[in-house]
PDB file of all heavy atoms in Angstrom:
ATOM      1  N   ARG A   1       0.843  -1.199   0.000  1.00  0.00           N
ATOM      2  CA  ARG A   1       0.000   0.000   0.000  1.00  0.00           C
ATOM      3  C   ARG A   1       0.874   1.244   0.000  1.00  0.00           C
ATOM      4  O   ARG A   1       1.823   1.364   0.770  1.00  0.00           O
ATOM      5  CB  ARG A   1      -0.911  -0.006   1.224  1.00  0.00           C
ATOM      6  CG  ARG A   1      -1.959  -1.103   1.206  1.00  0.00           C
ATOM      7  CD  ARG A   1      -2.719  -1.182   2.503  1.00  0.00           C
ATOM      8  NE  ARG A   1      -3.363   0.083   2.838  1.00  0.00           N
ATOM      9  CZ  ARG A   1      -3.956   0.327   3.995  1.00  0.00           C
ATOM     10  NH1 ARG A   1      -3.965  -0.611   4.941  1.00  0.00           N
ATOM     11  NH2 ARG A   1      -4.528   1.485   4.220  1.00  0.00           N
ATOM     12  N   ILE A   2       0.532   2.173  -0.883  1.00  0.00           N
ATOM     13  CA  ILE A   2       1.410   3.330  -1.099  1.00  0.00           C
ATOM     14  C   ILE A   2       1.606   4.151   0.169  1.00  0.00           C
ATOM     15  O   ILE A   2       2.711   4.605   0.457  1.00  0.00           O
ATOM     16  CB  ILE A   2       0.882   4.209  -2.256  1.00  0.00           C
ATOM     17  CG1 ILE A   2       1.900   5.308  -2.568  1.00  0.00           C
ATOM     18  CG2 ILE A   2      -0.483   4.808  -1.934  1.00  0.00           C
ATOM     19  CD1 ILE A   2       1.646   6.021  -3.867  1.00  0.00           C
ATOM     20  N   GLU A   3       0.539   4.325   0.967  1.00  0.00           N
ATOM     21  CA  GLU A   3       0.695   5.137   2.167  1.00  0.00           C
ATOM     22  C   GLU A   3       1.604   4.450   3.182  1.00  0.00           C
ATOM     23  O   GLU A   3       2.277   5.116   3.990  1.00  0.00           O
ATOM     24  CB  GLU A   3      -0.664   5.447   2.801  1.00  0.00           C
ATOM     25  CG  GLU A   3      -1.442   4.253   3.317  1.00  0.00           C
ATOM     26  CD  GLU A   3      -2.337   3.629   2.250  1.00  0.00           C
ATOM     27  OE1 GLU A   3      -2.100   3.902   1.053  1.00  0.00           O
ATOM     28  OE2 GLU A   3      -3.270   2.884   2.628  1.00  0.00           O
ATOM     29  N   VAL A   4       1.674   3.112   3.128  1.00  0.00           N
ATOM     30  CA  VAL A   4       2.519   2.370   4.065  1.00  0.00           C
ATOM     31  C   VAL A   4       3.980   2.429   3.637  1.00  0.00           C
ATOM     32  O   VAL A   4       4.866   2.730   4.444  1.00  0.00           O
ATOM     33  CB  VAL A   4       2.042   0.912   4.186  1.00  0.00           C
ATOM     34  CG1 VAL A   4       2.952   0.136   5.140  1.00  0.00           C
ATOM     35  CG2 VAL A   4       0.605   0.861   4.689  1.00  0.00           C
ATOM     36  N   PHE A   5       4.259   2.159   2.347  1.00  0.00           N
ATOM     37  CA  PHE A   5       5.669   2.178   1.953  1.00  0.00           C
ATOM     38  C   PHE A   5       6.214   3.601   1.918  1.00  0.00           C
ATOM     39  O   PHE A   5       7.406   3.821   2.151  1.00  0.00           O
ATOM     40  CB  PHE A   5       5.944   1.396   0.665  1.00  0.00           C
ATOM     41  CG  PHE A   5       5.461   1.987  -0.634  1.00  0.00           C
ATOM     42  CD1 PHE A   5       5.996   3.158  -1.146  1.00  0.00           C
ATOM     43  CD2 PHE A   5       4.509   1.321  -1.386  1.00  0.00           C
ATOM     44  CE1 PHE A   5       5.579   3.668  -2.355  1.00  0.00           C
ATOM     45  CE2 PHE A   5       4.079   1.822  -2.603  1.00  0.00           C
ATOM     46  CZ  PHE A   5       4.618   3.003  -3.090  1.00  0.00           C
ATOM     47  N   LYS A   6       5.373   4.604   1.673  1.00  0.00           N
ATOM     48  CA  LYS A   6       5.868   5.980   1.739  1.00  0.00           C
ATOM     49  C   LYS A   6       6.204   6.369   3.179  1.00  0.00           C
ATOM     50  O   LYS A   6       7.167   7.102   3.415  1.00  0.00           O
ATOM     51  CB  LYS A   6       4.842   6.933   1.149  1.00  0.00           C
ATOM     52  CG  LYS A   6       4.785   6.921  -0.370  1.00  0.00           C
ATOM     53  CD  LYS A   6       3.824   7.955  -0.917  1.00  0.00           C
ATOM     54  CE  LYS A   6       4.225   9.356  -0.574  1.00  0.00           C
ATOM     55  NZ  LYS A   6       3.310  10.360  -1.152  1.00  0.00           N
ATOM     56  N   ARG A   7       5.429   5.882   4.128  1.00  0.00           N
ATOM     57  CA  ARG A   7       5.733   6.152   5.529  1.00  0.00           C
ATOM     58  C   ARG A   7       7.060   5.499   5.914  1.00  0.00           C
ATOM     59  O   ARG A   7       7.886   6.104   6.617  1.00  0.00           O
ATOM     60  CB  ARG A   7       4.593   5.645   6.408  1.00  0.00           C
ATOM     61  CG  ARG A   7       4.709   6.046   7.859  1.00  0.00           C
ATOM     62  CD  ARG A   7       3.364   5.947   8.566  1.00  0.00           C
ATOM     63  NE  ARG A   7       2.803   4.596   8.503  1.00  0.00           N
ATOM     64  CZ  ARG A   7       1.642   4.295   7.891  1.00  0.00           C
ATOM     65  NH1 ARG A   7       0.930   5.245   7.299  1.00  0.00           N
ATOM     66  NH2 ARG A   7       1.190   3.056   7.882  1.00  0.00           N
ATOM     67  N   PHE A   8       7.273   4.275   5.445  1.00  0.00           N
ATOM     68  CA  PHE A   8       8.542   3.596   5.706  1.00  0.00           C
ATOM     69  C   PHE A   8       9.703   4.361   5.074  1.00  0.00           C
ATOM     70  O   PHE A   8      10.743   4.592   5.711  1.00  0.00           O
ATOM     71  CB  PHE A   8       8.520   2.166   5.171  1.00  0.00           C
ATOM     72  CG  PHE A   8       9.873   1.530   5.097  1.00  0.00           C
ATOM     73  CD1 PHE A   8      10.476   1.021   6.239  1.00  0.00           C
ATOM     74  CD2 PHE A   8      10.567   1.468   3.897  1.00  0.00           C
ATOM     75  CE1 PHE A   8      11.751   0.465   6.176  1.00  0.00           C
ATOM     76  CE2 PHE A   8      11.833   0.911   3.822  1.00  0.00           C
ATOM     77  CZ  PHE A   8      12.426   0.402   4.964  1.00  0.00           C
ATOM     78  N   LEU A   9       9.542   4.764   3.822  1.00  0.00           N
ATOM     79  CA  LEU A   9      10.612   5.481   3.132  1.00  0.00           C
ATOM     80  C   LEU A   9      10.915   6.819   3.804  1.00  0.00           C
ATOM     81  O   LEU A   9      12.080   7.225   3.916  1.00  0.00           O
ATOM     82  CB  LEU A   9      10.240   5.701   1.668  1.00  0.00           C
ATOM     83  CG  LEU A   9      10.320   4.463   0.769  1.00  0.00           C
ATOM     84  CD1 LEU A   9       9.658   4.727  -0.577  1.00  0.00           C
ATOM     85  CD2 LEU A   9      11.775   4.036   0.567  1.00  0.00           C
ATOM     86  N   ALA A  10       9.880   7.502   4.254  1.00  0.00           N
ATOM     87  CA  ALA A  10      10.098   8.766   4.949  1.00  0.00           C
ATOM     88  C   ALA A  10      10.966   8.557   6.190  1.00  0.00           C
ATOM     89  O   ALA A  10      11.875   9.357   6.474  1.00  0.00           O
ATOM     90  CB  ALA A  10       8.763   9.399   5.329  1.00  0.00           C
ATOM     91  N   ARG A  11      10.706   7.483   6.913  1.00  0.00           N
ATOM     92  CA  ARG A  11      11.505   7.168   8.094  1.00  0.00           C
ATOM     93  C   ARG A  11      12.936   6.807   7.699  1.00  0.00           C
ATOM     94  O   ARG A  11      13.905   7.241   8.336  1.00  0.00           O
ATOM     95  CB  ARG A  11      10.861   6.012   8.861  1.00  0.00           C
ATOM     96  CG  ARG A  11      11.653   5.536  10.073  1.00  0.00           C
ATOM     97  CD  ARG A  11      11.900   6.636  11.066  1.00  0.00           C
ATOM     98  NE  ARG A  11      12.666   6.190  12.222  1.00  0.00           N
ATOM     99  CZ  ARG A  11      13.473   6.971  12.925  1.00  0.00           C
ATOM    100  NH1 ARG A  11      13.614   8.250  12.607  1.00  0.00           N
ATOM    101  NH2 ARG A  11      14.134   6.480  13.955  1.00  0.00           N
ATOM    102  N   LEU A  12      13.073   6.045   6.631  1.00  0.00           N
ATOM    103  CA  LEU A  12      14.394   5.641   6.163  1.00  0.00           C
ATOM    104  C   LEU A  12      15.240   6.860   5.802  1.00  0.00           C
ATOM    105  O   LEU A  12      16.399   6.981   6.214  1.00  0.00           O
ATOM    106  CB  LEU A  12      14.244   4.723   4.948  1.00  0.00           C
ATOM    107  CG  LEU A  12      15.487   3.999   4.432  1.00  0.00           C
ATOM    108  CD1 LEU A  12      15.991   2.993   5.451  1.00  0.00           C
ATOM    109  CD2 LEU A  12      15.179   3.309   3.110  1.00  0.00           C
ATOM    110  N   PHE A  13      14.661   7.785   5.051  1.00  0.00           N
ATOM    111  CA  PHE A  13      15.417   8.975   4.649  1.00  0.00           C
ATOM    112  C   PHE A  13      15.675   9.910   5.831  1.00  0.00           C
ATOM    113  O   PHE A  13      16.688  10.617   5.860  1.00  0.00           O
ATOM    114  CB  PHE A  13      14.689   9.698   3.527  1.00  0.00           C
ATOM    115  CG  PHE A  13      14.747   8.961   2.219  1.00  0.00           C
ATOM    116  CD1 PHE A  13      13.595   8.480   1.617  1.00  0.00           C
ATOM    117  CD2 PHE A  13      15.960   8.719   1.598  1.00  0.00           C
ATOM    118  CE1 PHE A  13      13.652   7.791   0.421  1.00  0.00           C
ATOM    119  CE2 PHE A  13      16.028   8.032   0.398  1.00  0.00           C
ATOM    120  CZ  PHE A  13      14.872   7.561  -0.199  1.00  0.00           C
ATOM    121  N   GLU A  14      14.778   9.907   6.784  1.00  0.00           N
ATOM    122  CA  GLU A  14      15.015  10.708   7.990  1.00  0.00           C
ATOM    123  C   GLU A  14      16.250  10.208   8.724  1.00  0.00           C
ATOM    124  O   GLU A  14      17.083  11.004   9.184  1.00  0.00           O
ATOM    125  CB  GLU A  14      13.793  10.630   8.907  1.00  0.00           C
ATOM    126  CG  GLU A  14      13.945  11.412  10.193  1.00  0.00           C
ATOM    127  CD  GLU A  14      12.753  11.230  11.138  1.00  0.00           C
ATOM    128  OE1 GLU A  14      11.943  10.297  10.914  1.00  0.00           O
ATOM    129  OE2 GLU A  14      12.639  12.024  12.082  1.00  0.00           O
ATOM    130  N   ILE A  15      16.389   8.892   8.817  1.00  0.00           N
ATOM    131  CA  ILE A  15      17.543   8.314   9.490  1.00  0.00           C
ATOM    132  C   ILE A  15      18.835   8.657   8.748  1.00  0.00           C
ATOM    133  O   ILE A  15      19.859   8.974   9.361  1.00  0.00           O
ATOM    134  CB  ILE A  15      17.383   6.778   9.598  1.00  0.00           C
ATOM    135  CG1 ILE A  15      16.254   6.432  10.579  1.00  0.00           C
ATOM    136  CG2 ILE A  15      18.697   6.125  10.043  1.00  0.00           C
ATOM    137  CD1 ILE A  15      15.900   4.959  10.613  1.00  0.00           C
ATOM    138  N   MET A  16      18.798   8.648   7.425  1.00  0.00           N
ATOM    139  CA  MET A  16      20.006   8.882   6.631  1.00  0.00           C
ATOM    140  C   MET A  16      20.456  10.337   6.660  1.00  0.00           C
ATOM    141  O   MET A  16      21.616  10.632   6.365  1.00  0.00           O
ATOM    142  CB  MET A  16      19.776   8.422   5.189  1.00  0.00           C
ATOM    143  CG  MET A  16      19.765   6.909   5.049  1.00  0.00           C
ATOM    144  SD  MET A  16      19.745   6.390   3.319  1.00  0.00           S
ATOM    145  CE  MET A  16      18.063   6.796   2.879  1.00  0.00           C
ATOM    146  N   GLY A  17      19.553  11.243   6.955  1.00  0.00           N
ATOM    147  CA  GLY A  17      19.946  12.637   7.039  1.00  0.00           C
ATOM    148  C   GLY A  17      20.013  13.328   5.687  1.00  0.00           C
ATOM    149  O   GLY A  17      19.466  12.842   4.703  1.00  0.00           O
ATOM    150  N   PRO A  18      20.714  14.474   5.614  1.00  0.00           N
ATOM    151  CA  PRO A  18      20.663  15.304   4.411  1.00  0.00           C
ATOM    152  C   PRO A  18      21.356  14.713   3.192  1.00  0.00           C
ATOM    153  O   PRO A  18      21.103  15.147   2.072  1.00  0.00           O
ATOM    154  CB  PRO A  18      21.349  16.604   4.845  1.00  0.00           C
ATOM    155  CG  PRO A  18      22.228  16.199   5.987  1.00  0.00           C
ATOM    156  CD  PRO A  18      21.484  15.115   6.697  1.00  0.00           C
ATOM    157  N   SER A  19      22.251  13.742   3.386  1.00  0.00           N
ATOM    158  CA  SER A  19      22.975  13.162   2.258  1.00  0.00           C
ATOM    159  C   SER A  19      22.992  11.637   2.361  1.00  0.00           C
ATOM    160  O   SER A  19      23.835  11.067   3.062  1.00  0.00           O
ATOM    161  CB  SER A  19      24.411  13.689   2.191  1.00  0.00           C
ATOM    162  OG  SER A  19      25.123  13.037   1.158  1.00  0.00           O
ATOM    163  N   PRO A  20      22.082  10.950   1.663  1.00  0.00           N
ATOM    164  CA  PRO A  20      22.078   9.483   1.688  1.00  0.00           C
ATOM    165  C   PRO A  20      23.396   8.873   1.234  1.00  0.00           C
ATOM    166  O   PRO A  20      23.833   7.851   1.780  1.00  0.00           O
ATOM    167  CB  PRO A  20      20.936   9.123   0.732  1.00  0.00           C
ATOM    168  CG  PRO A  20      20.027  10.297   0.773  1.00  0.00           C
ATOM    169  CD  PRO A  20      20.929  11.483   0.913  1.00  0.00           C
ATOM    170  N   SER A  21      24.047   9.479   0.248  1.00  0.00           N
ATOM    171  CA  SER A  21      25.305   8.907  -0.246  1.00  0.00           C
ATOM    172  C   SER A  21      26.398   8.996   0.817  1.00  0.00           C
ATOM    173  O   SER A  21      27.183   8.051   0.996  1.00  0.00           O
ATOM    174  CB  SER A  21      25.744   9.614  -1.532  1.00  0.00           C
ATOM    175  OG  SER A  21      25.998  10.983  -1.302  1.00  0.00           O
ATOM    176  N   GLU A  22      26.461  10.099   1.532  1.00  0.00           N
ATOM    177  CA  GLU A  22      27.465  10.231   2.587  1.00  0.00           C
ATOM    178  C   GLU A  22      27.152   9.301   3.754  1.00  0.00           C
ATOM    179  O   GLU A  22      28.067   8.765   4.387  1.00  0.00           O
ATOM    180  CB  GLU A  22      27.536  11.683   3.055  1.00  0.00           C
ATOM    181  CG  GLU A  22      28.119  12.624   2.009  1.00  0.00           C
ATOM    182  CD  GLU A  22      28.177  14.061   2.491  1.00  0.00           C
ATOM    183  OE1 GLU A  22      27.857  14.305   3.682  1.00  0.00           O
ATOM    184  OE2 GLU A  22      28.541  14.935   1.686  1.00  0.00           O
ATOM    185  N   PHE A  23      25.873   9.113   4.033  1.00  0.00           N
ATOM    186  CA  PHE A  23      25.484   8.158   5.075  1.00  0.00           C
ATOM    187  C   PHE A  23      25.995   6.767   4.735  1.00  0.00           C
ATOM    188  O   PHE A  23      26.523   6.043   5.591  1.00  0.00           O
ATOM    189  CB  PHE A  23      23.959   8.152   5.209  1.00  0.00           C
ATOM    190  CG  PHE A  23      23.431   7.136   6.181  1.00  0.00           C
ATOM    191  CD1 PHE A  23      23.345   7.409   7.533  1.00  0.00           C
ATOM    192  CD2 PHE A  23      23.013   5.888   5.730  1.00  0.00           C
ATOM    193  CE1 PHE A  23      22.854   6.459   8.430  1.00  0.00           C
ATOM    194  CE2 PHE A  23      22.523   4.934   6.615  1.00  0.00           C
ATOM    195  CZ  PHE A  23      22.446   5.221   7.970  1.00  0.00           C
ATOM    196  N   ILE A  24      25.859   6.381   3.472  1.00  0.00           N
ATOM    197  CA  ILE A  24      26.313   5.060   3.041  1.00  0.00           C
ATOM    198  C   ILE A  24      27.833   4.965   3.140  1.00  0.00           C
ATOM    199  O   ILE A  24      28.381   3.958   3.600  1.00  0.00           O
ATOM    200  CB  ILE A  24      25.829   4.771   1.609  1.00  0.00           C
ATOM    201  CG1 ILE A  24      24.322   4.542   1.615  1.00  0.00           C
ATOM    202  CG2 ILE A  24      26.552   3.568   1.007  1.00  0.00           C
ATOM    203  CD1 ILE A  24      23.698   4.437   0.240  1.00  0.00           C
ATOM    204  N   VAL A  25      28.543   5.998   2.723  1.00  0.00           N
ATOM    205  CA  VAL A  25      30.008   5.995   2.783  1.00  0.00           C
ATOM    206  C   VAL A  25      30.489   5.824   4.215  1.00  0.00           C
ATOM    207  O   VAL A  25      31.449   5.086   4.480  1.00  0.00           O
ATOM    208  CB  VAL A  25      30.582   7.289   2.172  1.00  0.00           C
ATOM    209  CG1 VAL A  25      32.076   7.415   2.478  1.00  0.00           C
ATOM    210  CG2 VAL A  25      30.346   7.299   0.664  1.00  0.00           C
ATOM    211  N   ARG A  26      29.820   6.477   5.164  1.00  0.00           N
ATOM    212  CA  ARG A  26      30.234   6.352   6.571  1.00  0.00           C
ATOM    213  C   ARG A  26      30.094   4.918   7.060  1.00  0.00           C
ATOM    214  O   ARG A  26      30.892   4.462   7.881  1.00  0.00           O
ATOM    215  CB  ARG A  26      29.405   7.300   7.447  1.00  0.00           C
ATOM    216  CG  ARG A  26      29.764   8.769   7.247  1.00  0.00           C
ATOM    217  CD  ARG A  26      29.198   9.626   8.361  1.00  0.00           C
ATOM    218  NE  ARG A  26      27.745   9.600   8.412  1.00  0.00           N
ATOM    219  CZ  ARG A  26      26.954  10.440   7.757  1.00  0.00           C
ATOM    220  NH1 ARG A  26      27.485  11.377   6.967  1.00  0.00           N
ATOM    221  NH2 ARG A  26      25.644  10.361   7.854  1.00  0.00           N
TER     222      ARG A  26
END
């Protein structure tokens, strides 16, 4: 369900902060 996976993704990106690529590098 779109509202469910968007809620999950919002949380995921919140954890990663302003730069997902830098989060991954760390």
